[in-house]
């Protein structure tokens, strides 16, 4: 028994793993349907745009239970088995975003300090035809063509192994875009550096606004 109940582990295990143009999977209905109302109600009341670390946010109820599961060794073991790598030994950095700005979503690969990145989306619906929909891309310049497009709707999970060609991004969107991101990083020192960098960025946003 894994001891995990908020996550629908069958949906995670059964989501097909793709190898082109890099290694990723896209899963749907990864949240237990009985928990969704509670997760929605307990989502943090974040006023700032961008990602905040879990230490900067008041966590409660079903949402906190979800974060605990995402950060657990049991879940890292399941993902590691899926991707064929050891994730249990990797420190985890979890961040939460509620509000997106137009400057977000530029195409990038993630830095080499990351081993894997996972995103869980929590928006009830998504009417924007393209904006805010993450795309698996073939290069660092073009949003098209794309291998897959990720709808940022409740219970959608996207995870990928970081590589020199793990290009991804989304067309600009401004507004509410609820997402939790978990990054497995190579060492504890790098985790602390990333937390410090994130706190500094949020501090500067507080001073200078956008």
Protein backbone atom coordinates (compact mmCIF):
# COMPACT_ATOMS: atom_id res chain seq x y z
CA UNK A 1 0.00 0.00 0.00
CA UNK A 2 1.30 3.43 -0.91
CA UNK A 3 -0.78 5.32 1.66
CA UNK A 4 -1.73 7.91 -0.99
CA UNK A 5 -5.41 8.78 -1.32
CA UNK A 6 -5.75 12.23 -2.90
CA UNK A 7 -3.89 11.14 -6.04
CA UNK A 8 -5.45 8.67 -8.46
CA UNK A 9 -2.39 6.48 -8.84
CA UNK A 10 -3.95 4.26 -11.49
CA UNK A 11 -4.33 7.33 -13.73
CA UNK A 12 -0.66 8.19 -13.13
CA UNK A 13 0.57 4.66 -13.78
CA UNK A 14 -1.61 4.20 -16.88
CA UNK A 15 -0.73 7.49 -18.57
CA UNK A 16 1.40 6.57 -21.61
CA UNK A 17 5.07 7.57 -21.50
CA UNK A 18 6.30 9.35 -24.62
CA UNK A 19 9.95 9.48 -25.67
CA UNK A 20 9.76 12.04 -28.48
CA UNK A 21 10.94 14.75 -28.64
CA UNK A 22 11.90 14.03 -24.99
CA UNK A 23 10.59 11.84 -22.17
CA UNK A 24 7.25 12.94 -20.69
CA UNK A 25 3.75 11.83 -19.83
CA UNK A 26 0.40 13.57 -19.85
CA UNK A 27 -2.23 12.21 -17.47
CA UNK A 28 -5.85 13.15 -16.84
CA UNK A 29 -8.11 12.60 -13.81
CA UNK A 30 -5.06 12.21 -11.55
CA UNK A 31 -6.96 13.66 -8.58
CA UNK A 32 -9.46 11.55 -6.71
CA UNK A 33 -12.84 12.94 -7.69
CA UNK A 34 -14.11 12.82 -4.13
CA UNK A 35 -11.29 15.17 -3.09
CA UNK A 36 -11.68 17.80 -5.82
CA UNK A 37 -14.24 20.01 -4.05
CA UNK A 38 -12.01 20.13 -0.98
CA UNK A 39 -8.88 20.87 -3.03
CA UNK A 40 -10.69 23.69 -4.80
CA UNK A 41 -11.98 25.16 -1.54
CA UNK A 42 -8.59 24.90 0.18
CA UNK A 43 -6.49 26.30 -2.68
CA UNK A 44 -4.41 29.13 -1.15
CA UNK A 45 -5.64 32.71 -1.46
CA UNK A 46 -2.56 33.97 -3.29
CA UNK A 47 -2.61 37.63 -4.31
CA UNK A 48 0.81 37.80 -5.99
CA UNK A 49 1.44 36.61 -9.55
CA UNK A 50 3.96 33.87 -10.22
CA UNK A 51 5.14 30.81 -8.33
CA UNK A 52 5.49 30.82 -4.53
CA UNK A 53 7.23 28.07 -2.58
CA UNK A 54 5.12 26.05 -0.17
CA UNK A 55 6.96 27.70 2.78
CA UNK A 56 5.55 31.08 1.66
CA UNK A 57 1.94 29.92 1.46
CA UNK A 58 -0.57 28.91 4.13
CA UNK A 59 -1.54 25.31 3.37
CA UNK A 60 -4.64 23.67 4.78
CA UNK A 61 -7.10 20.83 4.42
CA UNK A 62 -7.31 18.75 1.27
CA UNK A 63 -4.89 20.97 -0.60
CA UNK A 64 -2.22 20.43 2.06
CA UNK A 65 -2.88 16.70 1.90
CA UNK A 66 -2.29 16.81 -1.85
CA UNK A 67 1.03 18.66 -1.42
CA UNK A 68 2.10 16.10 1.19
CA UNK A 69 1.38 13.29 -1.26
CA UNK A 70 3.15 14.96 -4.17
CA UNK A 71 6.26 15.49 -2.00
CA UNK A 72 6.23 12.00 -0.50
CA UNK A 73 8.84 9.32 -1.08
CA UNK A 74 6.00 6.94 -2.00
CA UNK A 75 4.97 9.12 -4.94
CA UNK A 76 8.59 9.70 -5.98
CA UNK A 77 9.04 5.93 -6.03
CA UNK A 78 6.02 5.48 -8.30
CA UNK A 79 7.23 8.17 -10.70
CA UNK A 80 10.77 6.82 -10.60
CA UNK A 81 9.50 3.38 -11.61
CA UNK A 82 7.55 4.96 -14.47
CA UNK A 83 10.54 6.92 -15.78
CA UNK A 84 13.16 4.32 -14.89
CA UNK A 85 15.22 6.57 -12.63
CA UNK A 86 15.80 7.13 -8.91
CA UNK A 87 13.73 10.09 -7.73
CA UNK A 88 13.47 9.17 -4.05
CA UNK A 89 17.00 10.43 -3.38
CA UNK A 90 16.28 13.79 -5.07
CA UNK A 91 15.22 16.79 -2.96
CA UNK A 92 11.90 18.31 -4.06
CA UNK A 93 10.95 21.94 -4.59
CA UNK A 94 7.20 22.57 -4.68
CA UNK A 95 5.75 25.86 -5.86
CA UNK A 96 2.20 27.09 -6.38
CA UNK A 97 0.79 29.65 -8.81
CA UNK A 98 -2.65 31.19 -8.92
CA UNK A 99 -2.14 34.24 -11.17
CA UNK A 100 -0.30 34.34 -14.47
CA UNK A 101 1.11 37.36 -16.29
CA UNK A 102 1.65 37.90 -20.00
CA UNK A 103 5.43 37.63 -19.60
CA UNK A 104 5.19 34.01 -18.38
CA UNK A 105 5.38 30.95 -20.60
CA UNK A 106 8.42 31.76 -22.72
CA UNK A 107 10.02 28.71 -24.31
CA UNK A 108 12.74 27.05 -22.20
CA UNK A 109 14.14 23.65 -21.20
CA UNK A 110 14.50 24.07 -17.39
CA UNK A 111 17.98 24.29 -15.90
CA UNK A 112 20.40 21.36 -15.59
CA UNK A 113 20.02 21.36 -11.79
CA UNK A 114 16.55 19.82 -12.28
CA UNK A 115 16.07 16.11 -12.84
CA UNK A 116 12.32 16.13 -13.45
CA UNK A 117 9.46 18.62 -13.37
CA UNK A 118 5.81 17.81 -12.70
CA UNK A 119 2.79 20.10 -13.07
CA UNK A 120 -0.71 19.52 -11.69
CA UNK A 121 -3.38 21.87 -13.00
CA UNK A 122 -6.47 22.91 -11.06
CA UNK A 123 -8.61 25.16 -13.25
CA UNK A 124 -12.28 24.19 -13.55
CA UNK A 125 -12.39 25.11 -17.24
CA UNK A 126 -10.14 26.66 -19.85
CA UNK A 127 -11.78 28.69 -22.59
CA UNK A 128 -8.67 30.31 -24.06
CA UNK A 129 -8.06 28.47 -27.37
CA UNK A 130 -4.25 28.50 -27.09
CA UNK A 131 -3.10 30.94 -24.42
CA UNK A 132 -1.87 29.31 -21.23
CA UNK A 133 -1.85 25.78 -22.67
CA UNK A 134 1.62 24.30 -22.18
CA UNK A 135 3.13 22.77 -25.30
CA UNK A 136 5.83 20.13 -25.80
CA UNK A 137 8.04 21.78 -28.42
CA UNK A 138 10.78 20.83 -30.87
CA UNK A 139 13.01 23.89 -30.52
CA UNK A 140 13.59 27.02 -28.47
CA UNK A 141 11.94 29.48 -30.87
CA UNK A 142 8.59 28.22 -32.14
CA UNK A 143 5.29 27.42 -30.46
CA UNK A 144 4.33 25.45 -33.56
CA UNK A 145 4.56 22.66 -34.47
CA UNK A 146 4.14 20.96 -31.11
CA UNK A 147 4.09 17.33 -30.00
CA UNK A 148 1.27 17.76 -27.49
CA UNK A 149 -0.70 20.57 -25.88
CA UNK A 150 -1.59 20.36 -22.18
CA UNK A 151 -5.02 21.65 -21.11
CA UNK A 152 -4.55 23.30 -17.68
CA UNK A 153 -7.78 21.84 -16.32
CA UNK A 154 -8.55 20.20 -12.98
CA UNK A 155 -6.73 16.91 -12.54
CA UNK A 156 -4.38 17.18 -15.53
CA UNK A 157 -0.79 16.16 -14.77
CA UNK A 158 2.23 16.71 -17.00
CA UNK A 159 5.72 15.50 -16.07
CA UNK A 160 8.97 15.37 -18.01
CA UNK A 161 12.62 14.53 -17.57
CA UNK A 162 14.81 17.59 -17.96
CA UNK A 163 17.09 17.40 -21.02
CA UNK A 164 18.95 19.81 -23.27
CA UNK A 165 16.02 19.56 -25.71
CA UNK A 166 13.12 19.52 -23.22
CA UNK A 167 11.64 22.64 -24.80
CA UNK A 168 8.25 23.71 -23.48
CA UNK A 169 6.23 26.89 -23.03
CA UNK A 170 2.83 28.44 -23.62
CA UNK A 171 1.45 31.43 -25.44
CA UNK A 172 0.97 34.48 -23.19
CA UNK A 173 -1.94 34.47 -20.77
CA UNK A 174 -2.97 36.91 -18.06
CA UNK A 175 -5.37 35.90 -15.34
CA UNK A 176 -6.07 33.03 -12.99
CA UNK A 177 -4.13 29.88 -13.87
CA UNK A 178 -3.96 27.48 -10.93
CA UNK A 179 -1.06 25.06 -10.97
CA UNK A 180 1.23 23.20 -8.58
CA UNK A 181 4.77 22.47 -9.74
CA UNK A 182 7.10 19.91 -8.19
CA UNK A 183 10.75 19.88 -9.27
CA UNK A 184 13.11 17.05 -8.34
CA UNK A 185 16.58 18.60 -8.08
CA UNK A 186 20.06 17.10 -7.97
CA UNK A 187 21.11 18.11 -4.45
CA UNK A 188 19.99 19.87 -1.27
CA UNK A 189 22.28 22.87 -1.84
CA UNK A 190 20.61 23.51 -5.18
CA UNK A 191 17.21 23.27 -3.52
CA UNK A 192 18.15 26.01 -1.04
CA UNK A 193 19.52 28.21 -3.84
CA UNK A 194 16.27 27.89 -5.77
CA UNK A 195 14.18 28.71 -2.69
CA UNK A 196 16.29 31.77 -1.96
CA UNK A 197 16.09 32.93 -5.59
CA UNK A 198 12.31 32.52 -5.57
CA UNK A 199 11.93 34.48 -2.31
CA UNK A 200 14.08 37.29 -3.70
CA UNK A 201 12.02 37.45 -6.89
CA UNK A 202 8.77 37.66 -4.90
CA UNK A 203 10.28 40.35 -2.63
CA UNK A 204 11.23 42.46 -5.63
CA UNK A 205 7.77 42.03 -7.13
CA UNK A 206 6.39 43.38 -3.86
CA UNK A 207 8.56 46.49 -4.17
CA UNK A 208 8.36 47.15 -7.89
CA UNK A 209 5.04 45.55 -8.78
CA UNK A 210 4.90 43.95 -12.22
